[in-house]
N, C-alpha and C. Protein backbone atom coordinates (compact mmCIF):
# COMPACT_ATOMS: atom_id res chain seq x y z
N MET A 1 183.52 1.41 56.51
CA MET A 1 184.08 2.68 56.06
C MET A 1 184.57 3.61 56.97
N LYS A 2 185.95 4.09 56.83
CA LYS A 2 186.64 4.92 57.76
C LYS A 2 186.06 6.29 57.84
N THR A 3 185.85 6.79 58.98
CA THR A 3 185.40 8.30 59.17
C THR A 3 186.24 8.95 60.00
N ARG A 4 186.60 10.19 59.54
CA ARG A 4 187.63 10.96 60.36
C ARG A 4 186.63 12.35 60.82
N LEU A 5 186.89 12.78 61.92
CA LEU A 5 186.24 13.92 62.56
C LEU A 5 187.50 14.89 62.81
N LEU A 6 187.73 15.90 62.14
CA LEU A 6 188.72 16.69 62.07
C LEU A 6 188.49 18.19 62.46
N GLY A 7 188.91 18.75 63.61
CA GLY A 7 188.89 20.13 63.96
C GLY A 7 190.03 20.94 63.48
N LEU A 8 189.72 22.01 62.78
CA LEU A 8 190.87 22.93 62.22
C LEU A 8 190.92 24.34 62.88
N GLY A 9 192.10 24.73 63.11
CA GLY A 9 192.14 25.96 63.74
C GLY A 9 193.33 26.25 64.63
N ASN A 10 193.54 27.40 65.08
CA ASN A 10 194.60 27.73 65.81
C ASN A 10 194.08 28.09 67.41
N PRO A 11 194.13 27.16 68.32
CA PRO A 11 193.57 27.46 69.72
C PRO A 11 194.13 28.63 70.47
N MET A 12 195.19 29.44 69.81
CA MET A 12 195.72 30.40 70.50
C MET A 12 195.38 31.81 69.91
N LEU A 13 194.45 31.70 68.85
CA LEU A 13 193.75 32.92 68.19
C LEU A 13 192.31 33.08 68.37
N SER A 14 191.92 33.22 69.61
CA SER A 14 190.45 33.39 69.95
C SER A 14 189.55 32.40 69.29
N ASP A 15 188.66 33.06 68.37
CA ASP A 15 187.63 32.25 67.73
C ASP A 15 188.25 31.32 66.75
N ASP A 16 189.40 31.63 66.27
CA ASP A 16 189.98 30.59 65.31
C ASP A 16 189.95 29.20 66.01
N GLY A 17 190.10 29.06 67.21
CA GLY A 17 190.21 27.86 67.87
C GLY A 17 188.96 27.04 68.24
N VAL A 18 187.83 27.54 67.78
CA VAL A 18 186.52 27.13 68.17
C VAL A 18 186.46 25.68 67.82
N ALA A 19 186.87 25.31 66.57
CA ALA A 19 186.89 23.86 66.31
C ALA A 19 187.70 22.96 66.91
N ILE A 20 188.74 23.48 67.67
CA ILE A 20 189.61 22.59 68.48
C ILE A 20 188.97 22.44 69.75
N HIS A 21 188.06 23.39 70.20
CA HIS A 21 187.32 23.24 71.61
C HIS A 21 186.21 22.09 71.13
N ILE A 22 185.58 22.11 70.16
CA ILE A 22 184.55 21.15 69.74
C ILE A 22 185.10 19.79 69.55
N VAL A 23 186.11 19.67 68.85
CA VAL A 23 186.58 18.22 68.74
C VAL A 23 187.17 17.70 70.00
N ARG A 24 187.75 18.46 70.93
CA ARG A 24 188.30 17.96 72.17
C ARG A 24 187.10 17.56 72.98
N ALA A 25 186.09 18.19 72.96
CA ALA A 25 184.82 17.72 73.82
C ALA A 25 184.28 16.51 73.07
N LEU A 26 184.19 16.44 71.74
CA LEU A 26 183.75 15.29 71.01
C LEU A 26 184.66 14.02 71.14
N ALA A 27 185.82 14.29 71.45
CA ALA A 27 186.84 13.06 71.56
C ALA A 27 186.48 12.19 72.77
N GLN A 28 185.84 12.87 73.78
CA GLN A 28 185.28 12.26 74.99
C GLN A 28 183.86 11.81 74.90
N ASP A 29 183.24 12.05 73.96
CA ASP A 29 181.80 11.84 73.75
C ASP A 29 181.55 10.32 73.27
N PRO A 30 180.94 9.56 73.91
CA PRO A 30 180.58 8.07 73.39
C PRO A 30 179.82 7.97 72.06
N ARG A 31 179.07 9.15 71.89
CA ARG A 31 178.33 9.05 70.58
C ARG A 31 179.32 9.45 69.46
N CYS A 32 180.44 9.63 69.54
CA CYS A 32 181.56 9.75 68.52
C CYS A 32 182.27 8.58 68.26
N ALA A 33 181.98 7.57 68.96
CA ALA A 33 182.80 6.31 68.89
C ALA A 33 182.64 5.71 67.38
N GLY A 34 183.64 5.36 66.79
CA GLY A 34 183.64 4.96 65.44
C GLY A 34 184.33 6.09 64.52
N ALA A 35 184.51 7.08 64.95
CA ALA A 35 185.28 8.16 64.12
C ALA A 35 186.68 8.34 64.74
N ASP A 36 187.51 8.52 63.93
CA ASP A 36 188.93 9.07 64.19
C ASP A 36 189.03 10.48 64.34
N VAL A 37 189.14 10.79 65.64
CA VAL A 37 189.08 12.38 65.83
C VAL A 37 190.54 12.76 65.94
N ALA A 38 190.66 14.10 65.25
CA ALA A 38 191.91 14.69 65.14
C ALA A 38 191.77 16.21 65.15
N GLU A 39 192.80 16.95 65.46
CA GLU A 39 192.79 18.30 65.39
C GLU A 39 194.11 18.80 64.54
N ALA A 40 194.00 19.79 64.07
CA ALA A 40 195.18 20.39 63.20
C ALA A 40 195.16 21.86 63.04
N SER A 41 196.18 22.41 62.90
CA SER A 41 196.45 23.95 62.72
C SER A 41 196.88 24.13 61.16
N VAL A 42 196.22 23.30 60.29
CA VAL A 42 196.94 23.28 58.84
C VAL A 42 195.56 23.50 57.83
N GLY A 43 195.99 23.83 56.66
CA GLY A 43 194.98 23.82 55.71
C GLY A 43 195.69 23.62 54.28
N GLY A 44 194.95 23.76 53.28
CA GLY A 44 195.45 23.44 51.90
C GLY A 44 196.05 22.10 51.62
N LEU A 45 197.34 22.00 51.18
CA LEU A 45 197.76 20.69 50.79
C LEU A 45 198.13 19.94 52.11
N ARG A 46 198.51 20.60 53.27
CA ARG A 46 198.80 19.81 54.46
C ARG A 46 197.55 19.00 54.87
N LEU A 47 196.40 19.63 54.58
CA LEU A 47 195.06 18.98 55.03
C LEU A 47 194.85 17.47 54.37
N LEU A 48 195.46 17.44 53.22
CA LEU A 48 195.30 16.04 52.67
C LEU A 48 195.87 14.97 53.34
N ASP A 49 197.01 15.00 53.85
CA ASP A 49 197.64 14.26 54.77
C ASP A 49 196.72 13.58 55.91
N LEU A 50 195.84 14.49 56.48
CA LEU A 50 195.13 14.04 57.43
C LEU A 50 193.59 13.29 56.86
N ILE A 51 193.41 13.37 55.66
CA ILE A 51 192.21 12.73 55.17
C ILE A 51 192.32 11.68 54.13
N ILE A 52 193.55 11.51 53.71
CA ILE A 52 193.96 10.34 52.88
C ILE A 52 193.48 9.02 53.50
N GLY A 53 192.88 8.22 52.68
CA GLY A 53 192.44 6.86 53.23
C GLY A 53 191.18 6.92 53.94
N TYR A 54 190.61 8.01 54.24
CA TYR A 54 189.10 8.10 54.81
C TYR A 54 188.17 7.98 53.64
N ASP A 55 186.97 7.47 54.11
CA ASP A 55 185.86 7.42 53.15
C ASP A 55 184.92 8.55 53.29
N ARG A 56 184.93 9.06 54.68
CA ARG A 56 183.98 10.10 55.05
C ARG A 56 184.65 11.20 55.93
N VAL A 57 184.64 12.30 55.81
CA VAL A 57 185.22 13.47 56.77
C VAL A 57 184.28 14.39 57.39
N VAL A 58 184.35 14.68 58.43
CA VAL A 58 183.50 15.70 59.14
C VAL A 58 184.58 16.75 59.56
N LEU A 59 184.66 17.84 58.71
CA LEU A 59 185.61 19.01 58.98
C LEU A 59 185.04 20.10 59.94
N VAL A 60 185.44 20.59 61.15
CA VAL A 60 184.98 21.57 61.91
C VAL A 60 186.05 22.61 61.68
N ASP A 61 185.34 23.87 61.63
CA ASP A 61 186.20 25.00 61.52
C ASP A 61 185.56 26.28 61.81
N ALA A 62 186.40 27.38 62.12
CA ALA A 62 185.74 28.64 62.16
C ALA A 62 185.55 29.42 60.78
N ILE A 63 184.71 30.16 60.63
CA ILE A 63 184.56 30.84 59.27
C ILE A 63 183.97 32.21 59.46
N GLN A 64 184.35 33.00 58.46
CA GLN A 64 184.04 34.32 58.31
C GLN A 64 183.21 34.72 57.04
N THR A 65 182.08 35.14 57.03
CA THR A 65 181.24 35.32 55.87
C THR A 65 181.02 36.80 55.85
N ARG A 66 180.59 37.39 54.67
CA ARG A 66 179.99 38.73 54.72
C ARG A 66 178.67 38.77 55.22
N GLY A 67 178.65 39.54 56.40
CA GLY A 67 177.23 39.66 57.11
C GLY A 67 176.97 38.80 58.06
N GLY A 68 177.82 37.85 58.17
CA GLY A 68 177.53 36.61 59.20
C GLY A 68 177.39 37.23 60.71
N GLN A 69 176.78 36.51 61.46
CA GLN A 69 176.51 36.80 62.84
C GLN A 69 177.32 35.93 63.61
N ALA A 70 178.24 36.41 64.44
CA ALA A 70 179.22 35.58 65.41
C ALA A 70 178.27 34.61 66.11
N GLY A 71 178.80 33.42 66.00
CA GLY A 71 178.22 32.24 66.64
C GLY A 71 177.23 31.43 65.79
N GLU A 72 177.11 31.96 64.69
CA GLU A 72 175.99 31.24 63.77
C GLU A 72 176.62 30.06 63.19
N ILE A 73 176.01 28.89 63.08
CA ILE A 73 176.66 27.61 62.65
C ILE A 73 176.08 27.34 61.21
N TYR A 74 177.04 26.83 60.54
CA TYR A 74 176.50 26.42 59.11
C TYR A 74 176.95 24.87 58.92
N ARG A 75 176.16 24.29 58.18
CA ARG A 75 176.42 22.96 57.71
C ARG A 75 176.49 23.10 56.15
N LEU A 76 177.89 22.77 55.89
CA LEU A 76 178.35 22.95 54.48
C LEU A 76 178.81 21.79 53.83
N ARG A 77 178.81 21.72 52.46
CA ARG A 77 179.34 20.83 51.73
C ARG A 77 180.59 21.44 50.81
N VAL A 78 181.29 20.46 50.19
CA VAL A 78 182.35 21.18 49.38
C VAL A 78 181.84 22.00 48.36
N ALA A 79 180.79 21.66 47.66
CA ALA A 79 180.20 22.50 46.61
C ALA A 79 179.76 23.88 47.12
N ASP A 80 179.63 24.17 48.39
CA ASP A 80 179.10 25.35 48.99
C ASP A 80 180.41 26.27 49.14
N LEU A 81 181.58 25.91 48.90
CA LEU A 81 182.87 26.63 49.11
C LEU A 81 183.28 27.21 47.78
N THR A 82 182.47 28.16 47.29
CA THR A 82 182.67 28.49 46.00
C THR A 82 183.51 29.94 45.93
N GLU A 83 183.50 30.68 47.06
CA GLU A 83 184.37 31.76 47.14
C GLU A 83 185.03 31.87 48.51
N THR A 84 186.01 32.83 48.63
CA THR A 84 186.82 32.82 49.90
C THR A 84 187.12 34.26 50.12
N LEU A 85 187.33 34.70 51.34
CA LEU A 85 187.60 36.12 51.62
C LEU A 85 189.16 36.23 51.50
N HIS A 86 189.73 35.25 51.59
CA HIS A 86 191.40 35.05 51.46
C HIS A 86 191.70 34.41 50.24
N SER A 87 192.59 34.88 49.57
CA SER A 87 193.15 34.43 48.10
C SER A 87 193.95 33.07 48.31
N GLY A 88 193.83 32.20 47.43
CA GLY A 88 194.59 30.85 47.31
C GLY A 88 195.68 31.14 46.48
N SER A 89 196.90 30.32 46.89
CA SER A 89 197.92 30.50 46.06
C SER A 89 198.54 28.93 46.11
N SER A 90 199.68 28.57 45.47
CA SER A 90 200.32 27.44 45.61
C SER A 90 200.71 27.01 46.86
N HIS A 91 200.86 28.15 47.62
CA HIS A 91 201.32 27.93 48.98
C HIS A 91 200.26 27.62 49.98
N ASP A 92 198.95 28.08 49.62
CA ASP A 92 197.93 27.95 50.55
C ASP A 92 196.65 27.77 49.75
N LEU A 93 196.51 26.43 49.14
CA LEU A 93 195.42 26.22 48.40
C LEU A 93 194.10 26.19 49.33
N SER A 94 192.91 26.40 48.56
CA SER A 94 191.61 26.21 49.17
C SER A 94 191.34 24.79 49.47
N LEU A 95 190.37 24.34 50.06
CA LEU A 95 189.94 23.07 50.34
C LEU A 95 189.68 22.32 49.01
N THR A 96 188.75 23.16 48.08
CA THR A 96 188.26 22.55 46.81
C THR A 96 189.75 22.31 45.94
N GLY A 97 190.49 23.44 46.01
CA GLY A 97 191.75 23.21 45.19
C GLY A 97 192.75 22.16 45.73
N ALA A 98 192.74 22.02 46.84
CA ALA A 98 193.56 20.77 47.49
C ALA A 98 193.17 19.56 47.04
N LEU A 99 191.61 19.44 47.23
CA LEU A 99 191.06 18.18 46.81
C LEU A 99 191.26 17.90 45.32
N TRP A 100 191.10 18.83 44.50
CA TRP A 100 191.26 18.57 43.07
C TRP A 100 192.77 18.14 42.66
N LEU A 101 193.72 18.80 43.50
CA LEU A 101 195.06 18.47 43.06
C LEU A 101 195.35 16.95 43.60
N GLY A 102 194.94 16.73 44.96
CA GLY A 102 195.01 15.25 45.43
C GLY A 102 194.57 14.28 44.41
N ARG A 103 193.21 14.54 44.00
CA ARG A 103 192.62 13.60 43.12
C ARG A 103 193.28 13.31 41.75
N SER A 104 193.80 14.40 41.48
CA SER A 104 194.63 14.46 40.18
C SER A 104 195.92 13.77 40.19
N LEU A 105 196.50 13.57 41.42
CA LEU A 105 197.56 12.80 41.78
C LEU A 105 197.30 11.34 42.20
N ASN A 106 195.99 10.95 42.07
CA ASN A 106 195.46 9.58 42.50
C ASN A 106 195.51 9.27 43.92
N MET A 107 195.52 10.26 44.75
CA MET A 107 195.42 10.14 46.19
C MET A 107 194.03 9.56 46.56
N ARG A 108 193.87 8.68 47.41
CA ARG A 108 192.75 8.03 48.01
C ARG A 108 191.96 8.96 48.99
N LEU A 109 191.11 9.82 48.43
CA LEU A 109 190.58 10.80 49.29
C LEU A 109 188.91 10.59 49.19
N PRO A 110 188.19 11.08 50.22
CA PRO A 110 186.82 10.80 50.18
C PRO A 110 186.10 11.80 48.95
N PRO A 111 185.02 11.31 48.53
CA PRO A 111 184.44 11.99 47.47
C PRO A 111 183.74 13.40 48.08
N ASP A 112 183.56 14.26 47.34
CA ASP A 112 182.81 15.53 47.86
C ASP A 112 181.66 15.25 48.54
N ASP A 113 180.81 14.15 48.11
CA ASP A 113 179.66 13.82 48.97
C ASP A 113 179.96 13.26 50.34
N GLY A 114 181.23 12.81 50.48
CA GLY A 114 181.47 12.16 51.73
C GLY A 114 182.17 13.25 52.81
N ILE A 115 182.30 14.45 52.39
CA ILE A 115 182.87 15.42 53.15
C ILE A 115 181.73 16.47 53.63
N HIS A 116 181.67 16.53 54.92
CA HIS A 116 180.74 17.44 55.73
C HIS A 116 181.41 18.42 56.41
N ILE A 117 180.98 19.61 56.49
CA ILE A 117 181.75 20.71 57.10
C ILE A 117 180.69 21.38 58.06
N VAL A 118 181.09 21.48 59.35
CA VAL A 118 180.40 22.30 60.33
C VAL A 118 181.30 23.50 60.64
N ALA A 119 180.80 24.72 60.36
CA ALA A 119 181.67 26.00 60.45
C ALA A 119 180.85 26.92 61.52
N VAL A 120 181.73 27.57 62.31
CA VAL A 120 181.02 28.48 63.29
C VAL A 120 181.66 29.90 62.78
N GLU A 121 180.62 30.73 62.75
CA GLU A 121 180.98 32.26 62.31
C GLU A 121 181.79 32.83 63.36
N ALA A 122 182.91 33.09 63.16
CA ALA A 122 183.88 33.87 64.09
C ALA A 122 183.81 35.22 64.14
N ALA A 123 184.16 35.89 65.29
CA ALA A 123 184.14 37.38 65.41
C ALA A 123 185.57 37.72 65.34
N ASP A 124 186.43 37.27 66.05
CA ASP A 124 187.78 37.54 66.23
C ASP A 124 188.87 36.34 65.92
N VAL A 125 189.48 36.56 64.91
CA VAL A 125 190.52 35.48 64.73
C VAL A 125 192.09 36.08 64.72
N ARG A 126 192.21 37.18 65.22
CA ARG A 126 193.45 37.83 65.41
C ARG A 126 194.03 37.91 66.73
N THR A 127 193.13 38.09 67.81
CA THR A 127 193.70 38.34 69.25
C THR A 127 194.23 37.04 69.70
N PHE A 128 195.47 37.20 70.29
CA PHE A 128 196.01 36.05 71.04
C PHE A 128 195.21 35.82 72.19
N ALA A 129 194.60 34.77 72.33
CA ALA A 129 193.72 34.36 73.36
C ALA A 129 193.29 32.82 73.25
N GLU A 130 193.16 32.08 74.42
CA GLU A 130 192.78 30.88 74.25
C GLU A 130 191.33 30.62 74.42
N ALA A 131 190.68 31.61 74.96
CA ALA A 131 189.09 31.51 74.88
C ALA A 131 188.49 32.19 73.73
N CYS A 132 187.37 31.56 73.26
CA CYS A 132 186.66 32.30 72.16
C CYS A 132 185.72 33.55 72.82
N THR A 133 185.50 34.30 71.69
CA THR A 133 184.51 35.43 72.29
C THR A 133 183.25 34.79 72.69
N ARG A 134 182.53 35.63 73.48
CA ARG A 134 181.32 35.22 74.05
C ARG A 134 180.18 34.60 73.03
N PRO A 135 180.03 35.19 71.95
CA PRO A 135 178.89 34.52 71.15
C PRO A 135 179.36 33.33 70.43
N VAL A 136 180.70 33.19 70.18
CA VAL A 136 181.26 31.74 69.62
C VAL A 136 181.20 30.84 70.75
N ALA A 137 181.67 31.18 71.95
CA ALA A 137 181.71 30.16 73.05
C ALA A 137 180.33 29.57 73.24
N ALA A 138 179.37 30.56 73.26
CA ALA A 138 177.89 30.10 73.50
C ALA A 138 177.49 29.17 72.32
N ALA A 139 178.03 29.23 71.20
CA ALA A 139 177.59 28.36 70.05
C ALA A 139 178.11 26.99 70.23
N ILE A 140 179.25 26.70 70.85
CA ILE A 140 179.93 25.53 70.91
C ILE A 140 178.89 24.23 71.16
N PRO A 141 178.05 24.39 72.12
CA PRO A 141 177.18 23.26 72.39
C PRO A 141 176.32 22.87 71.27
N GLU A 142 175.76 23.92 70.60
CA GLU A 142 175.03 23.60 69.46
C GLU A 142 175.74 23.04 68.24
N ALA A 143 177.13 23.54 68.03
CA ALA A 143 177.84 22.89 67.02
C ALA A 143 178.26 21.57 67.33
N ILE A 144 178.45 21.23 68.71
CA ILE A 144 178.64 19.73 68.93
C ILE A 144 177.65 18.89 68.58
N GLU A 145 176.35 19.40 68.85
CA GLU A 145 175.15 18.55 68.42
C GLU A 145 174.98 18.52 67.05
N ALA A 146 175.49 19.42 66.15
CA ALA A 146 175.33 19.43 64.79
C ALA A 146 176.34 18.37 64.47
N VAL A 147 177.51 18.15 64.88
CA VAL A 147 178.52 17.22 64.52
C VAL A 147 177.90 15.91 64.89
N VAL A 148 177.54 15.76 66.07
CA VAL A 148 176.82 14.51 66.44
C VAL A 148 176.00 13.99 65.70
N GLU A 149 174.91 14.95 65.13
CA GLU A 149 173.85 14.48 64.17
C GLU A 149 174.55 14.00 62.83
N ILE A 150 175.40 14.69 62.25
CA ILE A 150 176.18 14.32 61.10
C ILE A 150 176.71 12.82 61.37
N LEU A 151 177.59 12.73 62.21
CA LEU A 151 178.17 11.53 62.53
C LEU A 151 177.20 10.33 62.85
N HIS A 152 176.12 10.56 63.42
CA HIS A 152 175.06 9.59 63.70
C HIS A 152 174.69 9.08 62.12
N LEU A 153 174.41 9.97 61.44
CA LEU A 153 173.99 9.48 59.93
C LEU A 153 175.01 8.61 59.24
N LEU A 154 176.30 8.99 59.35
CA LEU A 154 177.54 8.48 58.88
C LEU A 154 177.82 7.03 59.34
N LEU A 155 177.55 7.06 60.67
CA LEU A 155 178.06 5.76 61.51
C LEU A 155 177.19 4.64 61.59
N VAL A 156 175.93 4.96 61.25
CA VAL A 156 174.76 3.86 61.39
C VAL A 156 174.86 3.03 60.20
């Protein structure tokens, strides 16, 4: 079974790049052998190109929730993504919308239960900076371990 580890975000926008930092570290980690590691600054329909043909996917991304604490780590599934703080449109579909459309077009995509999401609560996703804010940077080692735990379950 093919497994993709995919970090999403913009490494030039402070905390929005946290997933890129995480997957770059994991690409060098022997505990992730067996997963195809990639990073991207895309979402919506463009995300489908990166997960077509994979049986399982671990997505890593920054997230902003109502009342969330910067650096908090979430383990999510597709079913958990019921609302968004940003509106979706045909130009920028949500993950659930993109998956629905891709499956409607008979794309070979992983099932919802094959998609795992590790998200880190972001404080600042607007400032041009290559470094994450202090609480988000401090959460990176814990997020790495969360991804490794998921991959261990998927790859054994």
